[in-house]
Structures are given as C-alpha cells and as structure tokens.
All heavy atoms as atom14 arrays in JSON, in Angstrom:
{
  "sequence": "ARAISDGMSNGYLSMVVVAEPFRRQGIGQALVQHVLGSETDITWVLRA",
  "atom14_mask": [
    [1, 1, 1, 1, 1, 0, 0, 0, 0, 0, 0, 0, 0, 0],
    [1, 1, 1, 1, 1, 1, 1, 1, 1, 1, 1, 0, 0, 0],
    [1, 1, 1, 1, 1, 0, 0, 0, 0, 0, 0, 0, 0, 0],
    [1, 1, 1, 1, 1, 1, 1, 1, 0, 0, 0, 0, 0, 0],
    [1, 1, 1, 1, 1, 1, 0, 0, 0, 0, 0, 0, 0, 0],
    [1, 1, 1, 1, 1, 1, 1, 1, 0, 0, 0, 0, 0, 0],
    [1, 1, 1, 1, 0, 0, 0, 0, 0, 0, 0, 0, 0, 0],
    [1, 1, 1, 1, 1, 1, 1, 1, 0, 0, 0, 0, 0, 0],
    [1, 1, 1, 1, 1, 1, 0, 0, 0, 0, 0, 0, 0, 0],
    [1, 1, 1, 1, 1, 1, 1, 1, 0, 0, 0, 0, 0, 0],
    [1, 1, 1, 1, 0, 0, 0, 0, 0, 0, 0, 0, 0, 0],
    [1, 1, 1, 1, 1, 1, 1, 1, 1, 1, 1, 1, 0, 0],
    [1, 1, 1, 1, 1, 1, 1, 1, 0, 0, 0, 0, 0, 0],
    [1, 1, 1, 1, 1, 1, 0, 0, 0, 0, 0, 0, 0, 0],
    [1, 1, 1, 1, 1, 1, 1, 1, 0, 0, 0, 0, 0, 0],
    [1, 1, 1, 1, 1, 1, 1, 0, 0, 0, 0, 0, 0, 0],
    [1, 1, 1, 1, 1, 1, 1, 0, 0, 0, 0, 0, 0, 0],
    [1, 1, 1, 1, 1, 1, 1, 0, 0, 0, 0, 0, 0, 0],
    [1, 1, 1, 1, 1, 0, 0, 0, 0, 0, 0, 0, 0, 0],
    [1, 1, 1, 1, 1, 1, 1, 1, 1, 0, 0, 0, 0, 0],
    [1, 1, 1, 1, 1, 1, 1, 0, 0, 0, 0, 0, 0, 0],
    [1, 1, 1, 1, 1, 1, 1, 1, 1, 1, 1, 0, 0, 0],
    [1, 1, 1, 1, 1, 1, 1, 1, 1, 1, 1, 0, 0, 0],
    [1, 1, 1, 1, 1, 1, 1, 1, 1, 1, 1, 0, 0, 0],
    [1, 1, 1, 1, 1, 1, 1, 1, 1, 0, 0, 0, 0, 0],
    [1, 1, 1, 1, 0, 0, 0, 0, 0, 0, 0, 0, 0, 0],
    [1, 1, 1, 1, 1, 1, 1, 1, 0, 0, 0, 0, 0, 0],
    [1, 1, 1, 1, 0, 0, 0, 0, 0, 0, 0, 0, 0, 0],
    [1, 1, 1, 1, 1, 1, 1, 1, 1, 0, 0, 0, 0, 0],
    [1, 1, 1, 1, 1, 0, 0, 0, 0, 0, 0, 0, 0, 0],
    [1, 1, 1, 1, 1, 1, 1, 1, 0, 0, 0, 0, 0, 0],
    [1, 1, 1, 1, 1, 1, 1, 0, 0, 0, 0, 0, 0, 0],
    [1, 1, 1, 1, 1, 1, 1, 1, 1, 0, 0, 0, 0, 0],
    [1, 1, 1, 1, 1, 1, 1, 1, 1, 1, 0, 0, 0, 0],
    [1, 1, 1, 1, 1, 1, 1, 0, 0, 0, 0, 0, 0, 0],
    [1, 1, 1, 1, 1, 1, 1, 1, 0, 0, 0, 0, 0, 0],
    [1, 1, 1, 1, 0, 0, 0, 0, 0, 0, 0, 0, 0, 0],
    [1, 1, 1, 1, 1, 1, 0, 0, 0, 0, 0, 0, 0, 0],
    [1, 1, 1, 1, 1, 1, 1, 1, 1, 0, 0, 0, 0, 0],
    [1, 1, 1, 1, 1, 1, 1, 0, 0, 0, 0, 0, 0, 0],
    [1, 1, 1, 1, 1, 1, 1, 1, 0, 0, 0, 0, 0, 0],
    [1, 1, 1, 1, 1, 1, 1, 1, 0, 0, 0, 0, 0, 0],
    [1, 1, 1, 1, 1, 1, 1, 0, 0, 0, 0, 0, 0, 0],
    [1, 1, 1, 1, 1, 1, 1, 1, 1, 1, 1, 1, 1, 1],
    [1, 1, 1, 1, 1, 1, 1, 0, 0, 0, 0, 0, 0, 0],
    [1, 1, 1, 1, 1, 1, 1, 1, 0, 0, 0, 0, 0, 0],
    [1, 1, 1, 1, 1, 1, 1, 1, 1, 1, 1, 0, 0, 0],
    [1, 1, 1, 1, 1, 0, 0, 0, 0, 0, 0, 0, 0, 0]
  ],
  "atom14_positions": [
    [[63.87, 143.45, -23.48], [63.21, 144.71, -23.82], [63.13, 145.55, -22.56], [63.05, 145.03, -21.45], [61.8, 144.45, -24.38], [0.0, 0.0, 0.0], [0.0, 0.0, 0.0], [0.0, 0.0, 0.0], [0.0, 0.0, 0.0], [0.0, 0.0, 0.0], [0.0, 0.0, 0.0], [0.0, 0.0, 0.0], [0.0, 0.0, 0.0], [0.0, 0.0, 0.0]],
    [[63.17, 146.87, -22.76], [62.99, 147.77, -21.62], [62.21, 148.98, -22.06], [62.22, 149.36, -23.24], [64.31, 148.15, -20.97], [65.18, 149.07, -21.74], [66.49, 149.36, -20.99], [67.17, 150.48, -21.6], [67.08, 151.74, -21.21], [66.35, 152.06, -20.16], [67.72, 152.7, -21.84], [0.0, 0.0, 0.0], [0.0, 0.0, 0.0], [0.0, 0.0, 0.0]],
    [[61.49, 149.58, -21.11], [60.62, 150.71, -21.42], [60.43, 151.57, -20.19], [60.61, 151.12, -19.05], [59.26, 150.21, -21.9], [0.0, 0.0, 0.0], [0.0, 0.0, 0.0], [0.0, 0.0, 0.0], [0.0, 0.0, 0.0], [0.0, 0.0, 0.0], [0.0, 0.0, 0.0], [0.0, 0.0, 0.0], [0.0, 0.0, 0.0], [0.0, 0.0, 0.0]],
    [[60.08, 152.82, -20.44], [59.7, 153.74, -19.37], [58.35, 154.35, -19.76], [58.09, 154.6, -20.93], [60.77, 154.83, -19.13], [61.22, 155.46, -20.45], [61.95, 154.27, -18.38], [62.28, 156.53, -20.3], [0.0, 0.0, 0.0], [0.0, 0.0, 0.0], [0.0, 0.0, 0.0], [0.0, 0.0, 0.0], [0.0, 0.0, 0.0], [0.0, 0.0, 0.0]],
    [[57.5, 154.54, -18.77], [56.17, 155.06, -19.03], [55.58, 155.65, -17.75], [55.93, 155.24, -16.65], [55.26, 153.93, -19.52], [53.92, 154.36, -19.63], [0.0, 0.0, 0.0], [0.0, 0.0, 0.0], [0.0, 0.0, 0.0], [0.0, 0.0, 0.0], [0.0, 0.0, 0.0], [0.0, 0.0, 0.0], [0.0, 0.0, 0.0], [0.0, 0.0, 0.0]],
    [[54.67, 156.6, -17.93], [53.92, 157.1, -16.78], [52.73, 156.19, -16.49], [52.03, 156.37, -15.52], [53.48, 158.55, -16.98], [52.64, 158.76, -18.22], [52.01, 157.8, -18.72], [52.6, 159.9, -18.72], [0.0, 0.0, 0.0], [0.0, 0.0, 0.0], [0.0, 0.0, 0.0], [0.0, 0.0, 0.0], [0.0, 0.0, 0.0], [0.0, 0.0, 0.0]],
    [[52.49, 155.2, -17.34], [51.42, 154.24, -17.13], [50.03, 154.76, -17.44], [49.04, 154.05, -17.25], [0.0, 0.0, 0.0], [0.0, 0.0, 0.0], [0.0, 0.0, 0.0], [0.0, 0.0, 0.0], [0.0, 0.0, 0.0], [0.0, 0.0, 0.0], [0.0, 0.0, 0.0], [0.0, 0.0, 0.0], [0.0, 0.0, 0.0], [0.0, 0.0, 0.0]],
    [[49.93, 155.99, -17.89], [48.62, 156.58, -18.15], [48.5, 157.2, -19.54], [47.46, 157.1, -20.18], [48.34, 157.67, -17.11], [48.28, 157.15, -15.7], [48.22, 158.47, -14.47], [46.85, 159.45, -15.03], [0.0, 0.0, 0.0], [0.0, 0.0, 0.0], [0.0, 0.0, 0.0], [0.0, 0.0, 0.0], [0.0, 0.0, 0.0], [0.0, 0.0, 0.0]],
    [[49.56, 157.88, -20.0], [49.45, 158.65, -21.22], [50.58, 158.4, -22.21], [50.34, 158.3, -23.4], [49.4, 160.15, -20.87], [49.3, 160.93, -22.02], [0.0, 0.0, 0.0], [0.0, 0.0, 0.0], [0.0, 0.0, 0.0], [0.0, 0.0, 0.0], [0.0, 0.0, 0.0], [0.0, 0.0, 0.0], [0.0, 0.0, 0.0], [0.0, 0.0, 0.0]],
    [[51.81, 158.32, -21.72], [52.98, 158.24, -22.61], [53.92, 157.12, -22.19], [54.1, 156.86, -21.0], [53.75, 159.56, -22.6], [52.89, 160.7, -23.1], [52.39, 160.65, -24.21], [52.71, 161.7, -22.27], [0.0, 0.0, 0.0], [0.0, 0.0, 0.0], [0.0, 0.0, 0.0], [0.0, 0.0, 0.0], [0.0, 0.0, 0.0], [0.0, 0.0, 0.0]],
    [[54.57, 156.53, -23.19], [55.56, 155.51, -22.92], [56.64, 155.53, -23.98], [56.41, 155.96, -25.12], [0.0, 0.0, 0.0], [0.0, 0.0, 0.0], [0.0, 0.0, 0.0], [0.0, 0.0, 0.0], [0.0, 0.0, 0.0], [0.0, 0.0, 0.0], [0.0, 0.0, 0.0], [0.0, 0.0, 0.0], [0.0, 0.0, 0.0], [0.0, 0.0, 0.0]],
    [[57.81, 155.09, -23.59], [58.94, 155.02, -24.51], [59.51, 153.6, -24.47], [59.94, 153.13, -23.42], [60.02, 156.04, -24.13], [61.27, 155.92, -24.96], [61.26, 156.19, -26.33], [62.47, 155.53, -24.39], [62.4, 156.07, -27.1], [63.62, 155.41, -25.15], [63.57, 155.68, -26.51], [64.71, 155.56, -27.27], [0.0, 0.0, 0.0], [0.0, 0.0, 0.0]],
    [[59.47, 152.93, -25.59], [60.03, 151.6, -25.72], [61.48, 151.78, -26.15], [61.76, 152.25, -27.26], [59.23, 150.81, -26.76], [59.58, 149.35, -26.98], [59.47, 148.56, -25.68], [58.67, 148.77, -28.04], [0.0, 0.0, 0.0], [0.0, 0.0, 0.0], [0.0, 0.0, 0.0], [0.0, 0.0, 0.0], [0.0, 0.0, 0.0], [0.0, 0.0, 0.0]],
    [[62.4, 151.44, -25.27], [63.79, 151.79, -25.49], [64.58, 150.72, -26.22], [65.34, 151.03, -27.12], [64.46, 152.09, -24.15], [65.81, 152.41, -24.35], [0.0, 0.0, 0.0], [0.0, 0.0, 0.0], [0.0, 0.0, 0.0], [0.0, 0.0, 0.0], [0.0, 0.0, 0.0], [0.0, 0.0, 0.0], [0.0, 0.0, 0.0], [0.0, 0.0, 0.0]],
    [[64.46, 149.49, -25.84], [65.24, 148.42, -26.47], [64.36, 147.2, -26.68], [63.59, 146.83, -25.78], [66.41, 147.98, -25.57], [67.51, 148.94, -25.38], [68.76, 148.18, -24.27], [70.04, 149.38, -24.39], [0.0, 0.0, 0.0], [0.0, 0.0, 0.0], [0.0, 0.0, 0.0], [0.0, 0.0, 0.0], [0.0, 0.0, 0.0], [0.0, 0.0, 0.0]],
    [[64.49, 146.59, -27.83], [63.91, 145.27, -28.08], [65.0, 144.5, -28.84], [65.36, 144.88, -29.95], [62.62, 145.32, -28.92], [62.1, 143.92, -29.19], [61.56, 146.18, -28.24], [0.0, 0.0, 0.0], [0.0, 0.0, 0.0], [0.0, 0.0, 0.0], [0.0, 0.0, 0.0], [0.0, 0.0, 0.0], [0.0, 0.0, 0.0], [0.0, 0.0, 0.0]],
    [[65.53, 143.47, -28.2], [66.65, 142.73, -28.77], [66.35, 141.25, -28.67], [65.98, 140.76, -27.6], [67.97, 143.04, -28.0], [69.14, 142.3, -28.63], [68.22, 144.54, -27.95], [0.0, 0.0, 0.0], [0.0, 0.0, 0.0], [0.0, 0.0, 0.0], [0.0, 0.0, 0.0], [0.0, 0.0, 0.0], [0.0, 0.0, 0.0], [0.0, 0.0, 0.0]],
    [[66.53, 140.54, -29.78], [66.37, 139.09, -29.8], [67.63, 138.5, -30.42], [68.12, 139.01, -31.44], [65.11, 138.66, -30.61], [65.03, 137.14, -30.72], [63.85, 139.23, -29.97], [0.0, 0.0, 0.0], [0.0, 0.0, 0.0], [0.0, 0.0, 0.0], [0.0, 0.0, 0.0], [0.0, 0.0, 0.0], [0.0, 0.0, 0.0], [0.0, 0.0, 0.0]],
    [[68.15, 137.45, -29.82], [69.35, 136.79, -30.35], [69.09, 136.3, -31.77], [68.01, 135.8, -32.08], [69.74, 135.62, -29.44], [0.0, 0.0, 0.0], [0.0, 0.0, 0.0], [0.0, 0.0, 0.0], [0.0, 0.0, 0.0], [0.0, 0.0, 0.0], [0.0, 0.0, 0.0], [0.0, 0.0, 0.0], [0.0, 0.0, 0.0], [0.0, 0.0, 0.0]],
    [[70.06, 136.48, -32.63], [69.94, 136.18, -34.06], [69.31, 134.81, -34.35], [68.38, 134.72, -35.15], [71.31, 136.29, -34.74], [71.31, 135.96, -36.21], [70.53, 136.97, -37.05], [70.61, 138.17, -36.78], [69.84, 136.53, -38.0], [0.0, 0.0, 0.0], [0.0, 0.0, 0.0], [0.0, 0.0, 0.0], [0.0, 0.0, 0.0], [0.0, 0.0, 0.0]],
    [[69.75, 133.72, -33.72], [69.17, 132.42, -34.08], [67.69, 132.27, -33.72], [67.03, 131.35, -34.17], [70.0, 131.41, -33.28], [71.17, 132.14, -32.76], [70.83, 133.6, -32.76], [0.0, 0.0, 0.0], [0.0, 0.0, 0.0], [0.0, 0.0, 0.0], [0.0, 0.0, 0.0], [0.0, 0.0, 0.0], [0.0, 0.0, 0.0], [0.0, 0.0, 0.0]],
    [[67.17, 133.18, -32.91], [65.79, 133.06, -32.43], [64.86, 134.09, -33.06], [63.69, 134.18, -32.69], [65.77, 133.19, -30.9], [66.52, 132.08, -30.22], [67.84, 132.25, -29.86], [65.9, 130.87, -29.95], [68.55, 131.24, -29.24], [66.59, 129.84, -29.34], [67.91, 130.02, -28.98], [0.0, 0.0, 0.0], [0.0, 0.0, 0.0], [0.0, 0.0, 0.0]],
    [[65.35, 134.88, -34.0], [64.52, 135.9, -34.64], [63.49, 135.26, -35.57], [63.65, 134.14, -36.02], [65.39, 136.89, -35.4], [66.24, 137.72, -34.45], [67.1, 138.73, -35.17], [68.0, 139.36, -34.2], [69.09, 140.01, -34.52], [69.43, 140.15, -35.79], [69.85, 140.54, -33.58], [0.0, 0.0, 0.0], [0.0, 0.0, 0.0], [0.0, 0.0, 0.0]],
    [[62.43, 136.01, -35.83], [61.33, 135.59, -36.7], [60.57, 134.4, -36.14], [60.05, 133.58, -36.89], [61.81, 135.34, -38.12], [62.3, 136.61, -38.8], [62.78, 136.38, -40.18], [63.24, 137.5, -40.95], [63.94, 138.55, -40.55], [64.27, 138.68, -39.32], [64.33, 139.5, -41.38], [0.0, 0.0, 0.0], [0.0, 0.0, 0.0], [0.0, 0.0, 0.0]],
    [[60.52, 134.31, -34.81], [59.78, 133.25, -34.14], [58.73, 133.82, -33.19], [58.16, 133.09, -32.39], [60.74, 132.33, -33.38], [61.72, 131.62, -34.26], [62.69, 130.75, -33.47], [62.35, 130.22, -32.42], [63.9, 130.6, -33.98], [0.0, 0.0, 0.0], [0.0, 0.0, 0.0], [0.0, 0.0, 0.0], [0.0, 0.0, 0.0], [0.0, 0.0, 0.0]],
    [[58.5, 135.13, -33.26], [57.48, 135.76, -32.42], [57.98, 136.24, -31.07], [57.2, 136.74, -30.26], [0.0, 0.0, 0.0], [0.0, 0.0, 0.0], [0.0, 0.0, 0.0], [0.0, 0.0, 0.0], [0.0, 0.0, 0.0], [0.0, 0.0, 0.0], [0.0, 0.0, 0.0], [0.0, 0.0, 0.0], [0.0, 0.0, 0.0], [0.0, 0.0, 0.0]],
    [[59.27, 136.11, -30.81], [59.83, 136.49, -29.51], [59.82, 138.0, -29.33], [59.4, 138.51, -28.28], [61.24, 135.89, -29.34], [61.14, 134.36, -29.33], [61.9, 136.42, -28.06], [62.45, 133.64, -29.52], [0.0, 0.0, 0.0], [0.0, 0.0, 0.0], [0.0, 0.0, 0.0], [0.0, 0.0, 0.0], [0.0, 0.0, 0.0], [0.0, 0.0, 0.0]],
    [[60.27, 138.73, -30.35], [60.25, 140.19, -30.27], [58.84, 140.7, -30.08], [58.58, 141.59, -29.27], [0.0, 0.0, 0.0], [0.0, 0.0, 0.0], [0.0, 0.0, 0.0], [0.0, 0.0, 0.0], [0.0, 0.0, 0.0], [0.0, 0.0, 0.0], [0.0, 0.0, 0.0], [0.0, 0.0, 0.0], [0.0, 0.0, 0.0], [0.0, 0.0, 0.0]],
    [[57.9, 140.15, -30.82], [56.5, 140.54, -30.71], [55.99, 140.26, -29.3], [55.29, 141.09, -28.7], [55.66, 139.78, -31.73], [54.2, 140.14, -31.7], [53.41, 139.42, -32.78], [53.96, 138.74, -33.65], [52.11, 139.56, -32.73], [0.0, 0.0, 0.0], [0.0, 0.0, 0.0], [0.0, 0.0, 0.0], [0.0, 0.0, 0.0], [0.0, 0.0, 0.0]],
    [[56.33, 139.12, -28.75], [55.89, 138.77, -27.39], [56.5, 139.71, -26.35], [55.81, 140.11, -25.4], [56.27, 137.32, -27.08], [0.0, 0.0, 0.0], [0.0, 0.0, 0.0], [0.0, 0.0, 0.0], [0.0, 0.0, 0.0], [0.0, 0.0, 0.0], [0.0, 0.0, 0.0], [0.0, 0.0, 0.0], [0.0, 0.0, 0.0], [0.0, 0.0, 0.0]],
    [[57.75, 140.1, -26.54], [58.38, 141.06, -25.62], [57.65, 142.4, -25.66], [57.34, 142.98, -24.63], [59.86, 141.25, -25.97], [60.8, 140.12, -25.58], [62.13, 140.27, -26.32], [61.01, 140.07, -24.09], [0.0, 0.0, 0.0], [0.0, 0.0, 0.0], [0.0, 0.0, 0.0], [0.0, 0.0, 0.0], [0.0, 0.0, 0.0], [0.0, 0.0, 0.0]],
    [[57.37, 142.89, -26.88], [56.69, 144.17, -27.03], [55.29, 144.09, -26.42], [54.87, 144.98, -25.68], [56.63, 144.62, -28.5], [55.74, 145.85, -28.68], [58.04, 144.89, -29.02], [0.0, 0.0, 0.0], [0.0, 0.0, 0.0], [0.0, 0.0, 0.0], [0.0, 0.0, 0.0], [0.0, 0.0, 0.0], [0.0, 0.0, 0.0], [0.0, 0.0, 0.0]],
    [[54.57, 143.03, -26.7], [53.22, 142.86, -26.17], [53.26, 142.84, -24.63], [52.41, 143.44, -23.98], [52.6, 141.59, -26.71], [51.17, 141.39, -26.26], [50.56, 140.15, -26.91], [51.24, 139.29, -27.45], [49.25, 140.07, -26.84], [0.0, 0.0, 0.0], [0.0, 0.0, 0.0], [0.0, 0.0, 0.0], [0.0, 0.0, 0.0], [0.0, 0.0, 0.0]],
    [[54.24, 142.16, -24.07], [54.37, 142.09, -22.61], [54.6, 143.48, -22.02], [53.99, 143.84, -21.02], [55.51, 141.14, -22.23], [55.61, 140.89, -20.78], [54.96, 139.86, -20.16], [56.28, 141.55, -19.8], [55.22, 139.88, -18.86], [56.02, 140.9, -18.62], [0.0, 0.0, 0.0], [0.0, 0.0, 0.0], [0.0, 0.0, 0.0], [0.0, 0.0, 0.0]],
    [[55.48, 144.25, -22.63], [55.81, 145.58, -22.12], [54.63, 146.54, -22.28], [54.28, 147.27, -21.35], [57.07, 146.14, -22.82], [57.26, 147.61, -22.52], [58.31, 145.35, -22.41], [0.0, 0.0, 0.0], [0.0, 0.0, 0.0], [0.0, 0.0, 0.0], [0.0, 0.0, 0.0], [0.0, 0.0, 0.0], [0.0, 0.0, 0.0], [0.0, 0.0, 0.0]],
    [[54.0, 146.55, -23.45], [52.91, 147.49, -23.7], [51.63, 147.12, -22.98], [50.84, 147.99, -22.62], [52.64, 147.6, -25.2], [53.44, 148.64, -25.96], [54.93, 148.47, -25.83], [53.04, 148.66, -27.42], [0.0, 0.0, 0.0], [0.0, 0.0, 0.0], [0.0, 0.0, 0.0], [0.0, 0.0, 0.0], [0.0, 0.0, 0.0], [0.0, 0.0, 0.0]],
    [[51.41, 145.84, -22.75], [50.19, 145.41, -22.08], [48.96, 145.67, -22.94], [49.05, 145.86, -24.14], [0.0, 0.0, 0.0], [0.0, 0.0, 0.0], [0.0, 0.0, 0.0], [0.0, 0.0, 0.0], [0.0, 0.0, 0.0], [0.0, 0.0, 0.0], [0.0, 0.0, 0.0], [0.0, 0.0, 0.0], [0.0, 0.0, 0.0], [0.0, 0.0, 0.0]],
    [[47.82, 145.73, -22.29], [46.56, 145.88, -23.03], [45.99, 147.3, -22.97], [44.96, 147.58, -23.56], [45.52, 144.9, -22.49], [45.29, 145.15, -21.12], [0.0, 0.0, 0.0], [0.0, 0.0, 0.0], [0.0, 0.0, 0.0], [0.0, 0.0, 0.0], [0.0, 0.0, 0.0], [0.0, 0.0, 0.0], [0.0, 0.0, 0.0], [0.0, 0.0, 0.0]],
    [[46.68, 148.19, -22.27], [46.21, 149.58, -22.14], [46.33, 150.29, -23.49], [47.4, 150.37, -24.05], [47.03, 150.32, -21.09], [46.64, 151.77, -20.9], [45.19, 151.95, -20.52], [44.78, 151.41, -19.48], [44.48, 152.63, -21.27], [0.0, 0.0, 0.0], [0.0, 0.0, 0.0], [0.0, 0.0, 0.0], [0.0, 0.0, 0.0], [0.0, 0.0, 0.0]],
    [[45.22, 150.79, -24.0], [45.23, 151.45, -25.31], [45.25, 152.97, -25.21], [45.31, 153.64, -26.24], [44.02, 151.02, -26.15], [42.82, 151.35, -25.44], [44.06, 149.53, -26.45], [0.0, 0.0, 0.0], [0.0, 0.0, 0.0], [0.0, 0.0, 0.0], [0.0, 0.0, 0.0], [0.0, 0.0, 0.0], [0.0, 0.0, 0.0], [0.0, 0.0, 0.0]],
    [[45.19, 153.53, -24.01], [45.2, 154.98, -23.87], [46.61, 155.58, -23.79], [46.76, 156.78, -23.64], [44.4, 155.4, -22.62], [42.91, 155.2, -22.81], [42.46, 155.19, -23.97], [42.21, 155.04, -21.81], [0.0, 0.0, 0.0], [0.0, 0.0, 0.0], [0.0, 0.0, 0.0], [0.0, 0.0, 0.0], [0.0, 0.0, 0.0], [0.0, 0.0, 0.0]],
    [[47.62, 154.73, -23.87], [49.01, 155.2, -23.8], [49.57, 155.33, -25.21], [49.45, 154.42, -26.03], [49.89, 154.24, -22.98], [49.39, 154.17, -21.54], [51.35, 154.67, -23.02], [50.09, 153.13, -20.69], [0.0, 0.0, 0.0], [0.0, 0.0, 0.0], [0.0, 0.0, 0.0], [0.0, 0.0, 0.0], [0.0, 0.0, 0.0], [0.0, 0.0, 0.0]],
    [[50.16, 156.48, -25.52], [50.89, 156.65, -26.78], [52.32, 156.18, -26.54], [53.02, 156.73, -25.69], [50.89, 158.12, -27.22], [49.54, 158.53, -27.46], [51.72, 158.32, -28.48], [0.0, 0.0, 0.0], [0.0, 0.0, 0.0], [0.0, 0.0, 0.0], [0.0, 0.0, 0.0], [0.0, 0.0, 0.0], [0.0, 0.0, 0.0], [0.0, 0.0, 0.0]],
    [[52.72, 155.16, -27.26], [54.08, 154.63, -27.15], [54.92, 155.15, -28.31], [54.47, 155.19, -29.45], [54.06, 153.1, -27.18], [53.56, 152.51, -25.91], [52.27, 152.18, -25.6], [54.33, 152.21, -24.75], [52.2, 151.69, -24.32], [53.44, 151.68, -23.78], [55.68, 152.32, -24.44], [53.88, 151.28, -22.53], [56.11, 151.92, -23.19], [55.22, 151.4, -22.25]],
    [[56.14, 155.55, -28.02], [57.08, 155.99, -29.04], [58.35, 155.15, -28.96], [58.65, 154.54, -27.92], [57.42, 157.5, -28.92], [56.18, 158.35, -29.15], [58.05, 157.81, -27.58], [0.0, 0.0, 0.0], [0.0, 0.0, 0.0], [0.0, 0.0, 0.0], [0.0, 0.0, 0.0], [0.0, 0.0, 0.0], [0.0, 0.0, 0.0], [0.0, 0.0, 0.0]],
    [[59.1, 155.14, -30.04], [60.36, 154.42, -30.09], [61.18, 154.96, -31.23], [60.67, 155.71, -32.07], [60.12, 152.91, -30.27], [59.3, 152.47, -31.49], [60.15, 152.34, -32.74], [58.61, 151.17, -31.19], [0.0, 0.0, 0.0], [0.0, 0.0, 0.0], [0.0, 0.0, 0.0], [0.0, 0.0, 0.0], [0.0, 0.0, 0.0], [0.0, 0.0, 0.0]],
    [[62.43, 154.59, -31.25], [63.31, 154.92, -32.37], [63.5, 153.64, -33.16], [63.9, 152.63, -32.62], [64.65, 155.44, -31.85], [64.49, 156.73, -31.07], [65.8, 157.18, -30.47], [66.68, 157.62, -31.56], [67.99, 157.69, -31.45], [68.59, 157.36, -30.32], [68.72, 158.11, -32.45], [0.0, 0.0, 0.0], [0.0, 0.0, 0.0], [0.0, 0.0, 0.0]],
    [[63.2, 153.69, -34.45], [63.28, 152.5, -35.3], [64.34, 152.7, -36.37], [64.06, 152.65, -37.56], [61.91, 152.2, -35.91], [0.0, 0.0, 0.0], [0.0, 0.0, 0.0], [0.0, 0.0, 0.0], [0.0, 0.0, 0.0], [0.0, 0.0, 0.0], [0.0, 0.0, 0.0], [0.0, 0.0, 0.0], [0.0, 0.0, 0.0], [0.0, 0.0, 0.0]]
  ]
}
C-alpha cells in the first residue's frame, strides 16, 4: 500500500494490493489501518 498526506487534514490512499491467494484474510485491512493510523482529523480519499 502507498499513500500521500499532509499528516494534518488530507490524505490520498493510492494503492492497496494483496496477492490473490492471501485475500480475505485481513491483510488489506491491516495495510490500510497501518497507513491511516489512528488520526481521525484527516479526510482520506481514494479511487475505488
């Protein structure tokens, strides 16, 4: 996963990729959680 953010207000989650055999095991969720952290004042956007 990769992301860009000012760390205060806005962030862009650019890629979240998990290898096919490992999907639906919480890996993607863990990657997103790691990138976003616990800061709730940042608006994160992405293309889905």
